[in-house]
């Protein structure tokens, strides 16, 4: 996708809503302490960082969902709009899980 196509997928559309639900599901996993398998980093202190992000996301899901949406679209900019339309919920969940550790580390740096 080119930059305008990427931008056209942002906002309050279907993709963002699906990312938000996936992020809530990841937050639930972390809060239920079932983040002890890949892709989650098992290094000391990582669960605590993930938990802080999970709680913040449950309290106010909009900001993180917006950030995740932009990140996932940018990371996958090689796919077409048609392919994006065929992305499954599971694939979105996988993408959110894959970046949760990175986002939690960045979140810790700004609070």
N, C-alpha and C. Protein backbone atom coordinates (compact mmCIF):
# COMPACT_ATOMS: atom_id res chain seq x y z
N UNK A 1 0.84 -1.18 0.00
CA UNK A 1 0.00 0.00 0.00
C UNK A 1 0.89 1.24 0.00
N UNK A 2 0.44 2.26 -0.70
CA UNK A 2 1.17 3.51 -0.63
C UNK A 2 0.69 4.29 0.60
N UNK A 3 1.30 5.43 0.84
CA UNK A 3 1.02 6.18 2.07
C UNK A 3 -0.44 6.62 2.17
N UNK A 4 -1.03 7.03 1.06
CA UNK A 4 -2.43 7.45 1.11
C UNK A 4 -3.35 6.27 1.40
N UNK A 5 -3.03 5.12 0.82
CA UNK A 5 -3.83 3.93 1.12
C UNK A 5 -3.71 3.55 2.59
N UNK A 6 -2.48 3.61 3.11
CA UNK A 6 -2.28 3.33 4.54
C UNK A 6 -3.10 4.28 5.40
N UNK A 7 -3.02 5.56 5.07
CA UNK A 7 -3.76 6.55 5.85
C UNK A 7 -5.26 6.31 5.77
N UNK A 8 -5.72 5.87 4.62
CA UNK A 8 -7.14 5.60 4.45
C UNK A 8 -7.66 4.47 5.33
N UNK A 9 -6.77 3.64 5.85
CA UNK A 9 -7.17 2.52 6.71
C UNK A 9 -7.16 2.90 8.19
N UNK A 10 -6.70 4.10 8.50
CA UNK A 10 -6.65 4.54 9.89
C UNK A 10 -7.97 5.20 10.28
N UNK A 11 -8.07 5.57 11.53
CA UNK A 11 -9.29 6.21 12.01
C UNK A 11 -10.18 5.20 12.69
N UNK A 12 -11.45 5.48 12.67
CA UNK A 12 -12.41 4.66 13.41
C UNK A 12 -13.03 3.54 12.58
N UNK A 13 -12.32 3.08 11.59
CA UNK A 13 -12.85 2.05 10.71
C UNK A 13 -12.82 0.65 11.31
N UNK A 14 -13.20 -0.30 10.49
CA UNK A 14 -13.29 -1.70 10.91
C UNK A 14 -11.95 -2.24 11.41
N UNK A 15 -10.88 -1.93 10.69
CA UNK A 15 -9.58 -2.47 11.07
C UNK A 15 -9.20 -2.01 12.48
N UNK A 16 -9.38 -0.72 12.77
CA UNK A 16 -9.03 -0.20 14.08
C UNK A 16 -9.87 -0.86 15.18
N UNK A 17 -11.13 -1.07 14.91
CA UNK A 17 -11.99 -1.73 15.89
C UNK A 17 -11.51 -3.15 16.17
N UNK A 18 -11.07 -3.83 15.14
CA UNK A 18 -10.56 -5.19 15.31
C UNK A 18 -9.26 -5.18 16.10
N UNK A 19 -8.40 -4.19 15.85
CA UNK A 19 -7.16 -4.05 16.61
C UNK A 19 -7.48 -3.78 18.08
N UNK A 20 -8.46 -2.94 18.33
CA UNK A 20 -8.84 -2.63 19.71
C UNK A 20 -9.31 -3.88 20.46
N UNK A 21 -10.12 -4.68 19.83
CA UNK A 21 -10.60 -5.91 20.46
C UNK A 21 -9.43 -6.87 20.69
N UNK A 22 -8.54 -6.98 19.72
CA UNK A 22 -7.36 -7.84 19.89
C UNK A 22 -6.51 -7.37 21.07
N UNK A 23 -6.34 -6.06 21.20
CA UNK A 23 -5.55 -5.52 22.31
C UNK A 23 -6.23 -5.79 23.66
N UNK A 24 -7.54 -5.72 23.70
CA UNK A 24 -8.26 -6.05 24.93
C UNK A 24 -8.06 -7.53 25.26
N UNK A 25 -8.07 -8.39 24.25
CA UNK A 25 -7.83 -9.81 24.48
C UNK A 25 -6.42 -10.06 25.01
N UNK A 26 -5.43 -9.35 24.46
CA UNK A 26 -4.06 -9.50 24.95
C UNK A 26 -3.97 -8.98 26.38
N UNK A 27 -4.60 -7.86 26.66
CA UNK A 27 -4.61 -7.31 28.02
C UNK A 27 -5.22 -8.33 28.99
N UNK A 28 -6.28 -8.97 28.57
CA UNK A 28 -6.93 -9.99 29.41
C UNK A 28 -5.98 -11.15 29.68
N UNK A 29 -5.26 -11.60 28.66
CA UNK A 29 -4.29 -12.69 28.85
C UNK A 29 -3.23 -12.29 29.88
N UNK A 30 -2.73 -11.08 29.75
CA UNK A 30 -1.69 -10.60 30.67
C UNK A 30 -2.26 -10.50 32.08
N UNK A 31 -3.44 -9.94 32.21
CA UNK A 31 -4.05 -9.77 33.54
C UNK A 31 -4.38 -11.12 34.18
N UNK A 32 -4.69 -12.12 33.34
CA UNK A 32 -4.97 -13.46 33.85
C UNK A 32 -3.70 -14.29 34.00
N UNK A 33 -2.55 -13.66 33.74
CA UNK A 33 -1.24 -14.29 33.92
C UNK A 33 -1.04 -15.50 33.01
N UNK A 34 -1.56 -15.41 31.79
CA UNK A 34 -1.32 -16.48 30.81
C UNK A 34 -0.44 -15.96 29.67
N UNK A 35 0.49 -15.09 30.05
CA UNK A 35 1.44 -14.53 29.09
C UNK A 35 2.82 -15.14 29.29
N UNK A 36 2.84 -16.39 29.73
CA UNK A 36 4.10 -17.06 30.04
C UNK A 36 4.58 -17.97 28.91
N UNK A 37 4.14 -17.68 27.70
CA UNK A 37 4.57 -18.42 26.51
C UNK A 37 4.91 -17.43 25.40
N UNK A 38 5.58 -17.94 24.36
CA UNK A 38 5.87 -17.08 23.21
C UNK A 38 4.56 -16.55 22.64
N UNK A 39 4.54 -15.36 22.12
CA UNK A 39 5.67 -14.51 21.78
C UNK A 39 6.10 -13.58 22.91
N UNK A 40 5.58 -13.76 24.09
CA UNK A 40 5.89 -12.85 25.20
C UNK A 40 7.27 -13.14 25.76
N UNK A 41 8.03 -12.08 26.00
CA UNK A 41 9.38 -12.16 26.57
C UNK A 41 9.28 -12.58 28.03
N UNK A 42 10.05 -13.60 28.42
CA UNK A 42 9.98 -14.13 29.78
C UNK A 42 11.08 -13.59 30.70
N UNK A 43 11.81 -12.59 30.25
CA UNK A 43 12.86 -12.00 31.08
C UNK A 43 12.26 -11.39 32.33
N UNK A 44 13.06 -11.33 33.37
CA UNK A 44 12.61 -10.79 34.65
C UNK A 44 12.05 -9.39 34.46
N UNK A 45 10.91 -9.15 35.06
CA UNK A 45 10.29 -7.83 35.03
C UNK A 45 9.40 -7.55 33.84
N UNK A 46 9.46 -8.39 32.80
CA UNK A 46 8.66 -8.13 31.60
C UNK A 46 7.16 -8.27 31.85
N UNK A 47 6.77 -9.26 32.66
CA UNK A 47 5.34 -9.41 32.94
C UNK A 47 4.81 -8.16 33.62
N UNK A 48 5.56 -7.59 34.55
CA UNK A 48 5.11 -6.39 35.25
C UNK A 48 4.90 -5.23 34.28
N UNK A 49 5.80 -5.10 33.30
CA UNK A 49 5.63 -4.05 32.29
C UNK A 49 4.39 -4.31 31.45
N UNK A 50 4.20 -5.57 31.05
CA UNK A 50 3.01 -5.92 30.26
C UNK A 50 1.74 -5.66 31.06
N UNK A 51 1.79 -5.94 32.35
CA UNK A 51 0.62 -5.75 33.20
C UNK A 51 0.26 -4.27 33.32
N UNK A 52 1.24 -3.40 33.47
CA UNK A 52 0.97 -1.96 33.53
C UNK A 52 0.28 -1.49 32.25
N UNK A 53 0.78 -1.95 31.11
CA UNK A 53 0.17 -1.58 29.84
C UNK A 53 -1.23 -2.16 29.73
N UNK A 54 -1.42 -3.39 30.16
CA UNK A 54 -2.73 -4.03 30.10
C UNK A 54 -3.76 -3.25 30.91
N UNK A 55 -3.40 -2.87 32.11
CA UNK A 55 -4.33 -2.12 32.97
C UNK A 55 -4.65 -0.77 32.35
N UNK A 56 -3.64 -0.09 31.85
CA UNK A 56 -3.86 1.20 31.20
C UNK A 56 -4.78 1.05 29.98
N UNK A 57 -4.58 -0.03 29.23
CA UNK A 57 -5.40 -0.23 28.04
C UNK A 57 -6.85 -0.54 28.40
N UNK A 58 -7.06 -1.33 29.41
CA UNK A 58 -8.43 -1.65 29.83
C UNK A 58 -9.15 -0.38 30.31
N UNK A 59 -8.42 0.49 31.00
CA UNK A 59 -9.00 1.74 31.49
C UNK A 59 -9.37 2.68 30.34
N UNK A 60 -8.54 2.73 29.33
CA UNK A 60 -8.74 3.67 28.22
C UNK A 60 -8.14 3.09 26.95
N UNK A 61 -8.92 2.30 26.21
CA UNK A 61 -8.35 1.56 25.07
C UNK A 61 -8.05 2.39 23.82
N UNK A 62 -8.53 3.59 23.74
CA UNK A 62 -8.42 4.34 22.49
C UNK A 62 -6.99 4.65 22.08
N UNK A 63 -6.18 5.23 22.97
CA UNK A 63 -4.84 5.67 22.58
C UNK A 63 -3.96 4.50 22.13
N UNK A 64 -3.92 3.43 22.91
CA UNK A 64 -3.08 2.30 22.53
C UNK A 64 -3.58 1.68 21.23
N UNK A 65 -4.88 1.57 21.06
CA UNK A 65 -5.42 0.99 19.83
C UNK A 65 -5.04 1.82 18.61
N UNK A 66 -5.08 3.14 18.75
CA UNK A 66 -4.65 3.99 17.65
C UNK A 66 -3.19 3.74 17.32
N UNK A 67 -2.34 3.70 18.34
CA UNK A 67 -0.91 3.48 18.13
C UNK A 67 -0.63 2.11 17.52
N UNK A 68 -1.30 1.10 18.03
CA UNK A 68 -1.12 -0.25 17.48
C UNK A 68 -1.55 -0.32 16.02
N UNK A 69 -2.67 0.31 15.72
CA UNK A 69 -3.18 0.31 14.35
C UNK A 69 -2.14 0.90 13.40
N UNK A 70 -1.60 2.05 13.75
CA UNK A 70 -0.60 2.68 12.88
C UNK A 70 0.64 1.79 12.75
N UNK A 71 1.09 1.23 13.85
CA UNK A 71 2.28 0.39 13.82
C UNK A 71 2.06 -0.84 12.93
N UNK A 72 0.94 -1.51 13.12
CA UNK A 72 0.67 -2.73 12.36
C UNK A 72 0.53 -2.42 10.87
N UNK A 73 -0.14 -1.33 10.54
CA UNK A 73 -0.26 -0.96 9.13
C UNK A 73 1.10 -0.63 8.53
N UNK A 74 1.91 0.12 9.26
CA UNK A 74 3.24 0.47 8.75
C UNK A 74 4.12 -0.76 8.58
N UNK A 75 4.04 -1.67 9.55
CA UNK A 75 4.86 -2.88 9.50
C UNK A 75 4.47 -3.77 8.32
N UNK A 76 3.20 -3.75 7.96
CA UNK A 76 2.68 -4.63 6.91
C UNK A 76 2.31 -3.85 5.66
N UNK A 77 3.05 -2.80 5.36
CA UNK A 77 2.70 -1.93 4.24
C UNK A 77 2.86 -2.60 2.87
N UNK A 78 3.42 -3.79 2.84
CA UNK A 78 3.60 -4.49 1.57
C UNK A 78 2.32 -5.21 1.12
N UNK A 79 1.34 -5.33 2.00
CA UNK A 79 0.11 -6.01 1.59
C UNK A 79 -0.81 -5.04 0.87
N UNK A 80 -1.70 -5.59 0.06
CA UNK A 80 -2.65 -4.77 -0.70
C UNK A 80 -3.90 -4.52 0.14
N UNK A 81 -4.71 -3.59 -0.32
CA UNK A 81 -5.97 -3.33 0.37
C UNK A 81 -6.86 -4.58 0.38
N UNK A 82 -6.85 -5.32 -0.72
CA UNK A 82 -7.64 -6.56 -0.78
C UNK A 82 -7.16 -7.56 0.26
N UNK A 83 -5.83 -7.69 0.39
CA UNK A 83 -5.29 -8.60 1.40
C UNK A 83 -5.63 -8.12 2.81
N UNK A 84 -5.57 -6.82 3.04
CA UNK A 84 -5.93 -6.29 4.35
C UNK A 84 -7.38 -6.61 4.69
N UNK A 85 -8.23 -6.54 3.69
CA UNK A 85 -9.64 -6.87 3.90
C UNK A 85 -9.88 -8.32 4.25
N UNK A 86 -8.91 -9.18 3.93
CA UNK A 86 -9.04 -10.61 4.20
C UNK A 86 -8.27 -11.07 5.44
N UNK A 87 -7.69 -10.13 6.16
CA UNK A 87 -6.94 -10.48 7.37
C UNK A 87 -7.91 -11.01 8.41
N UNK A 88 -7.53 -12.12 9.06
CA UNK A 88 -8.41 -12.72 10.05
C UNK A 88 -8.20 -12.07 11.43
N UNK A 89 -9.16 -12.26 12.31
CA UNK A 89 -9.02 -11.77 13.68
C UNK A 89 -7.80 -12.39 14.35
N UNK A 90 -7.56 -13.66 14.07
CA UNK A 90 -6.41 -14.36 14.65
C UNK A 90 -5.09 -13.73 14.20
N UNK A 91 -5.02 -13.33 12.94
CA UNK A 91 -3.81 -12.69 12.43
C UNK A 91 -3.58 -11.33 13.11
N UNK A 92 -4.65 -10.61 13.33
CA UNK A 92 -4.53 -9.32 14.03
C UNK A 92 -4.09 -9.56 15.47
N UNK A 93 -4.68 -10.55 16.12
CA UNK A 93 -4.29 -10.88 17.49
C UNK A 93 -2.80 -11.25 17.54
N UNK A 94 -2.34 -12.04 16.58
CA UNK A 94 -0.92 -12.41 16.52
C UNK A 94 -0.03 -11.17 16.41
N UNK A 95 -0.44 -10.21 15.59
CA UNK A 95 0.34 -8.98 15.41
C UNK A 95 0.40 -8.18 16.71
N UNK A 96 -0.73 -8.08 17.40
CA UNK A 96 -0.77 -7.32 18.66
C UNK A 96 0.08 -8.02 19.72
N UNK A 97 -0.04 -9.34 19.83
CA UNK A 97 0.78 -10.08 20.79
C UNK A 97 2.27 -9.89 20.50
N UNK A 98 2.62 -9.89 19.22
CA UNK A 98 4.02 -9.80 18.83
C UNK A 98 4.67 -8.49 19.22
N UNK A 99 3.89 -7.42 19.33
CA UNK A 99 4.47 -6.12 19.67
C UNK A 99 4.16 -5.66 21.09
N UNK A 100 3.42 -6.46 21.86
CA UNK A 100 3.01 -6.03 23.21
C UNK A 100 4.22 -5.75 24.10
N UNK A 101 5.25 -6.59 24.06
CA UNK A 101 6.44 -6.36 24.89
C UNK A 101 7.10 -5.03 24.52
N UNK A 102 7.25 -4.79 23.24
CA UNK A 102 7.88 -3.55 22.80
C UNK A 102 7.07 -2.33 23.24
N UNK A 103 5.77 -2.40 23.06
CA UNK A 103 4.91 -1.30 23.48
C UNK A 103 4.94 -1.12 24.99
N UNK A 104 5.00 -2.21 25.73
CA UNK A 104 5.02 -2.09 27.20
C UNK A 104 6.31 -1.44 27.68
N UNK A 105 7.42 -1.73 27.01
CA UNK A 105 8.69 -1.10 27.36
C UNK A 105 8.63 0.40 27.06
N UNK A 106 8.08 0.76 25.91
CA UNK A 106 7.96 2.17 25.55
C UNK A 106 6.98 2.89 26.48
N UNK A 107 5.91 2.21 26.85
CA UNK A 107 4.92 2.78 27.77
C UNK A 107 5.59 3.10 29.10
N UNK A 108 6.41 2.18 29.59
CA UNK A 108 7.11 2.36 30.86
C UNK A 108 8.02 3.60 30.78
N UNK A 109 8.59 3.83 29.62
CA UNK A 109 9.53 4.95 29.48
C UNK A 109 8.82 6.31 29.54
N UNK A 110 7.53 6.34 29.26
CA UNK A 110 6.82 7.63 29.24
C UNK A 110 5.95 7.88 30.46
N UNK A 111 5.81 6.90 31.35
CA UNK A 111 5.00 7.15 32.55
C UNK A 111 5.86 7.51 33.73
